[in-house]
Amino acid sequence: MAFKIAKVDKRFLSPGPQPNGLQAAADGLWIIDQVDLKVYKVNYENGEVLFEAQTDTEHSSGITIGDGALWVSSTFELEIAKIDMETGKSIARYNSPESGVVSWAEDQVNGRVTGAHGLEWRDGRIYIAVPPSQKVHVMNVDPWAEINQFPTPGLRNHGLAWADDGRLWVADTSAGTVSLLDREDGRIWEVIRVEAPDEVHGLTIHEGVLWYCDANTRDIGRLVVEE
């Protein structure tokens, strides 16, 4: 079946006030918070904080690991920050692709220009979910240049996570969906529905199971789907 409904398995609350991005690692779950702007690494079992550091980003909305560093979407600065994993300090900054005003705010006076949200790393490239463009943009890191882009389903794309087969899970917060997409052209292979009131903001995958965070409730949990 190509359409499934996830059971939301809430595990613990985020240590920060509004978690907005997740990245799984072997030694813990990384979280970026959009209000206190801290990165946290927590224990998968109980949410115990193993590490935290202050970043210099603004309204952070995504996090990934690559090239020995953290990468964080500094959404209101329209940048992607490469961050030292031990200090939280920015090493380098890169322009967010196709920043703009999100579609549901285009008719507002002085609608705010925003940029990147969810991030994933693979083979020297960063995959970036950008709500204003409603696309995933594929950026070569060195030199910083876009090499591909593809559309995402829904209104408000957000978290990203790699499936084992190299396809890309993409969350749409407004639609309440997590879709499995081809990483070249965005073809949709599978859709998981997450029912309200829960919302998927950040997304990652650990031991074959999708994890999510909800910035509204601070919930960190798993999306369990029966085969």
Protein backbone atom coordinates (compact mmCIF):
# COMPACT_ATOMS: atom_id res chain seq x y z
CA MET A 1 0.00 0.00 0.00
CA ALA A 2 1.38 3.42 -0.98
CA PHE A 3 -0.63 5.35 1.64
CA LYS A 4 -0.30 4.64 5.37
CA ILE A 5 -1.27 6.28 8.64
CA ALA A 6 1.48 6.61 11.23
CA LYS A 7 1.07 5.88 14.91
CA VAL A 8 2.72 8.72 16.80
CA ASP A 9 4.95 7.36 19.56
CA LYS A 10 5.86 10.34 21.75
CA ARG A 11 9.11 9.65 23.62
CA PHE A 12 10.05 12.83 25.52
CA LEU A 13 9.97 16.64 25.38
CA SER A 14 12.74 18.62 23.77
CA PRO A 15 15.05 20.49 26.15
CA GLY A 16 14.47 23.67 24.15
CA PRO A 17 11.22 25.66 23.82
CA GLN A 18 10.61 25.06 20.07
CA PRO A 19 12.50 22.18 18.42
CA ASN A 20 12.52 22.69 14.66
CA GLY A 21 15.09 20.27 13.22
CA LEU A 22 16.46 16.79 13.96
CA GLN A 23 19.45 14.72 12.89
CA ALA A 24 20.10 11.17 14.04
CA ALA A 25 23.64 10.06 14.87
CA ALA A 26 25.02 6.86 16.34
CA ASP A 27 25.75 8.50 19.70
CA GLY A 28 22.61 10.59 20.08
CA LEU A 29 19.83 12.65 18.53
CA TRP A 30 20.72 16.20 17.49
CA ILE A 31 18.09 18.94 17.84
CA ILE A 32 18.13 22.56 16.71
CA ASP A 33 15.74 24.96 18.45
CA GLN A 34 14.25 27.96 16.65
CA VAL A 35 13.81 30.10 19.80
CA ASP A 36 16.82 29.59 22.07
CA LEU A 37 18.94 28.84 18.95
CA LYS A 38 20.82 26.05 20.72
CA VAL A 39 21.93 22.71 19.36
CA TYR A 40 21.33 19.78 21.68
CA LYS A 41 22.42 16.15 21.49
CA VAL A 42 20.14 13.93 23.55
CA ASN A 43 19.78 10.29 24.53
CA TYR A 44 17.29 8.37 22.38
CA GLU A 45 15.78 6.57 25.35
CA ASN A 46 14.94 9.37 27.74
CA GLY A 47 15.92 12.70 26.18
CA GLU A 48 18.82 13.26 28.59
CA VAL A 49 20.96 16.12 27.30
CA LEU A 50 24.41 14.84 26.36
CA PHE A 51 25.66 18.09 24.83
CA GLU A 52 24.41 21.59 24.14
CA ALA A 53 25.86 24.71 22.57
CA GLN A 54 24.64 28.16 21.63
CA THR A 55 24.63 28.99 17.90
CA ASP A 56 24.63 32.38 16.21
CA THR A 57 21.80 31.49 13.82
CA GLU A 58 18.34 33.08 13.61
CA HIS A 59 15.04 31.17 13.68
CA SER A 60 16.84 27.89 12.99
CA SER A 61 14.79 25.34 11.06
CA GLY A 62 16.95 22.37 10.06
CA ILE A 63 20.09 20.47 11.02
CA THR A 64 22.34 17.82 9.49
CA ILE A 65 25.88 16.46 9.83
CA GLY A 66 28.54 16.37 7.12
CA ASP A 67 32.21 17.10 6.51
CA GLY A 68 32.90 16.80 10.25
CA ALA A 69 30.50 19.62 11.12
CA LEU A 70 26.90 20.49 11.87
CA TRP A 71 24.91 22.35 9.23
CA VAL A 72 22.00 24.51 10.39
CA SER A 73 19.39 26.46 8.44
CA SER A 74 19.44 30.04 9.68
CA THR A 75 16.03 30.71 8.19
CA PHE A 76 15.61 34.42 8.90
CA GLU A 77 19.19 35.19 7.84
CA LEU A 78 18.61 33.35 4.53
CA GLU A 79 21.74 31.29 5.14
CA ILE A 80 23.03 27.81 5.84
CA ALA A 81 25.59 27.82 8.65
CA LYS A 82 28.42 25.29 8.90
CA ILE A 83 28.96 24.90 12.64
CA ASP A 84 31.74 23.49 14.81
CA MET A 85 30.34 20.42 16.59
CA GLU A 86 32.25 21.16 19.79
CA THR A 87 31.62 24.88 20.20
CA GLY A 88 28.46 25.77 18.27
CA LYS A 89 30.34 28.55 16.49
CA SER A 90 29.85 29.14 12.77
CA ILE A 91 32.77 28.09 10.55
CA ALA A 92 31.27 29.29 7.28
CA ARG A 93 28.02 30.69 5.87
CA TYR A 94 26.30 29.95 2.56
CA ASN A 95 23.32 31.56 0.84
CA SER A 96 20.00 29.74 1.11
CA PRO A 97 18.70 28.85 -2.37
CA GLU A 98 15.53 30.48 -3.73
CA SER A 99 14.57 32.35 -0.58
CA GLY A 100 11.34 34.28 -0.77
CA VAL A 101 7.90 34.85 0.72
CA VAL A 102 5.91 31.68 1.38
CA SER A 103 2.85 31.26 -0.81
CA TRP A 104 0.29 31.68 1.97
CA ALA A 105 1.78 35.08 2.89
CA GLU A 106 2.28 36.52 -0.59
CA ASP A 107 -0.78 38.74 -0.28
CA GLN A 108 0.33 40.20 3.04
CA VAL A 109 1.84 43.67 3.19
CA ASN A 110 5.58 43.33 3.76
CA GLY A 111 5.48 39.54 3.89
CA ARG A 112 8.75 38.29 5.38
CA VAL A 113 11.36 36.71 3.12
CA THR A 114 12.53 33.39 4.57
CA GLY A 115 14.76 30.55 3.47
CA ALA A 116 15.87 27.01 4.14
CA HIS A 117 14.27 24.53 6.53
CA GLY A 118 15.08 20.80 6.57
CA LEU A 119 18.58 19.62 5.61
CA GLU A 120 20.25 16.35 4.70
CA TRP A 121 23.84 15.59 3.66
CA ARG A 122 25.08 13.05 1.12
CA ASP A 123 28.33 12.76 -0.86
CA GLY A 124 29.45 16.36 -0.44
CA ARG A 125 26.01 17.75 -1.24
CA ILE A 126 23.30 19.24 0.93
CA TYR A 127 19.63 18.64 0.20
CA ILE A 128 17.59 21.62 1.36
CA ALA A 129 13.83 21.90 1.82
CA VAL A 130 12.78 25.48 1.02
CA PRO A 131 9.14 26.38 1.82
CA PRO A 132 9.03 29.55 -0.35
CA SER A 133 9.98 27.57 -3.46
CA GLN A 134 8.14 24.39 -2.38
CA LYS A 135 11.15 22.43 -3.62
CA VAL A 136 14.17 20.50 -2.45
CA HIS A 137 17.34 22.15 -3.71
CA VAL A 138 20.51 20.09 -4.10
CA MET A 139 23.63 22.13 -3.39
CA ASN A 140 27.21 21.18 -4.09
CA VAL A 141 29.20 22.41 -1.10
CA ASP A 142 32.62 23.13 -2.61
CA PRO A 143 32.11 25.28 -4.56
CA TRP A 144 28.63 26.28 -3.33
CA ALA A 145 26.38 25.81 -6.35
CA GLU A 146 22.96 24.36 -7.08
CA ILE A 147 23.13 21.19 -9.16
CA ASN A 148 19.51 20.05 -9.02
CA GLN A 149 16.07 20.85 -7.65
CA PHE A 150 12.73 19.07 -7.57
CA PRO A 151 9.21 19.92 -6.36
CA THR A 152 7.76 18.59 -3.12
CA PRO A 153 4.11 17.74 -2.46
CA GLY A 154 2.04 19.98 -0.22
CA LEU A 155 2.16 23.58 0.96
CA ARG A 156 4.94 23.78 3.54
CA ASN A 157 7.86 21.38 3.20
CA HIS A 158 10.07 20.98 6.23
CA GLY A 159 12.01 17.99 7.60
CA LEU A 160 14.09 15.59 5.48
CA ALA A 161 15.37 12.06 6.14
CA TRP A 162 17.20 9.48 4.04
CA ALA A 163 15.53 6.14 3.39
CA ASP A 164 17.83 3.10 3.32
CA ASP A 165 17.51 2.83 -0.46
CA GLY A 166 18.66 6.40 -1.13
CA ARG A 167 15.24 7.93 -1.63
CA LEU A 168 14.30 10.95 0.46
CA TRP A 169 11.52 11.32 3.03
CA VAL A 170 10.08 14.85 2.97
CA ALA A 171 7.67 16.16 5.60
CA ASP A 172 4.97 18.68 4.80
CA THR A 173 3.89 20.29 8.05
CA SER A 174 0.64 21.82 6.80
CA ALA A 175 -0.55 18.73 4.91
CA GLY A 176 0.35 16.35 7.73
CA THR A 177 2.26 14.06 5.39
CA VAL A 178 5.67 12.49 5.06
CA SER A 179 6.33 11.50 1.44
CA LEU A 180 9.02 9.24 -0.01
CA LEU A 181 10.50 10.96 -3.06
CA ASP A 182 12.97 10.13 -5.78
CA ARG A 183 16.01 12.31 -5.09
CA GLU A 184 16.49 13.18 -8.77
CA ASP A 185 13.03 14.24 -9.94
CA GLY A 186 10.76 14.21 -6.87
CA ARG A 187 8.55 11.34 -8.05
CA ILE A 188 6.35 10.27 -5.12
CA TRP A 189 6.65 6.62 -4.11
CA GLU A 190 4.87 6.51 -0.78
CA VAL A 191 2.89 8.76 1.57
CA ILE A 192 2.56 8.52 5.35
CA ARG A 193 -0.22 10.49 7.00
CA VAL A 194 0.30 12.06 10.45
CA GLU A 195 -3.05 13.02 11.88
CA ALA A 196 -3.79 16.32 13.63
CA PRO A 197 -3.14 17.79 16.13
CA ASP A 198 0.40 16.38 15.84
CA GLU A 199 2.68 18.19 13.38
CA VAL A 200 5.95 17.09 11.82
CA HIS A 201 8.52 19.88 11.76
CA GLY A 202 11.97 18.31 12.03
CA LEU A 203 12.47 14.79 10.64
CA THR A 204 15.21 12.17 10.76
CA ILE A 205 15.59 8.39 10.73
CA HIS A 206 17.21 6.11 13.32
CA GLU A 207 17.50 2.35 13.01
CA GLY A 208 14.99 2.36 10.18
CA VAL A 209 12.31 4.35 12.05
CA LEU A 210 11.34 7.96 11.34
CA TRP A 211 11.67 10.40 14.24
CA TYR A 212 9.97 13.80 14.34
CA CYS A 213 9.78 16.95 16.42
CA ASP A 214 6.82 19.27 16.87
CA ALA A 215 7.77 22.90 17.53
CA ASN A 216 4.30 23.65 18.92
CA THR A 217 4.35 21.04 21.68
CA ARG A 218 8.10 20.27 22.16
CA ASP A 219 7.29 16.60 21.47
CA ILE A 220 10.06 14.35 20.19
CA GLY A 221 8.89 10.96 19.01
CA ARG A 222 8.73 8.23 16.40
CA LEU A 223 6.37 7.67 13.49
CA VAL A 224 5.50 4.01 13.65
CA VAL A 225 3.97 2.47 10.53
CA GLU A 226 2.64 -1.07 10.41
CA GLU A 227 3.76 -3.07 7.39
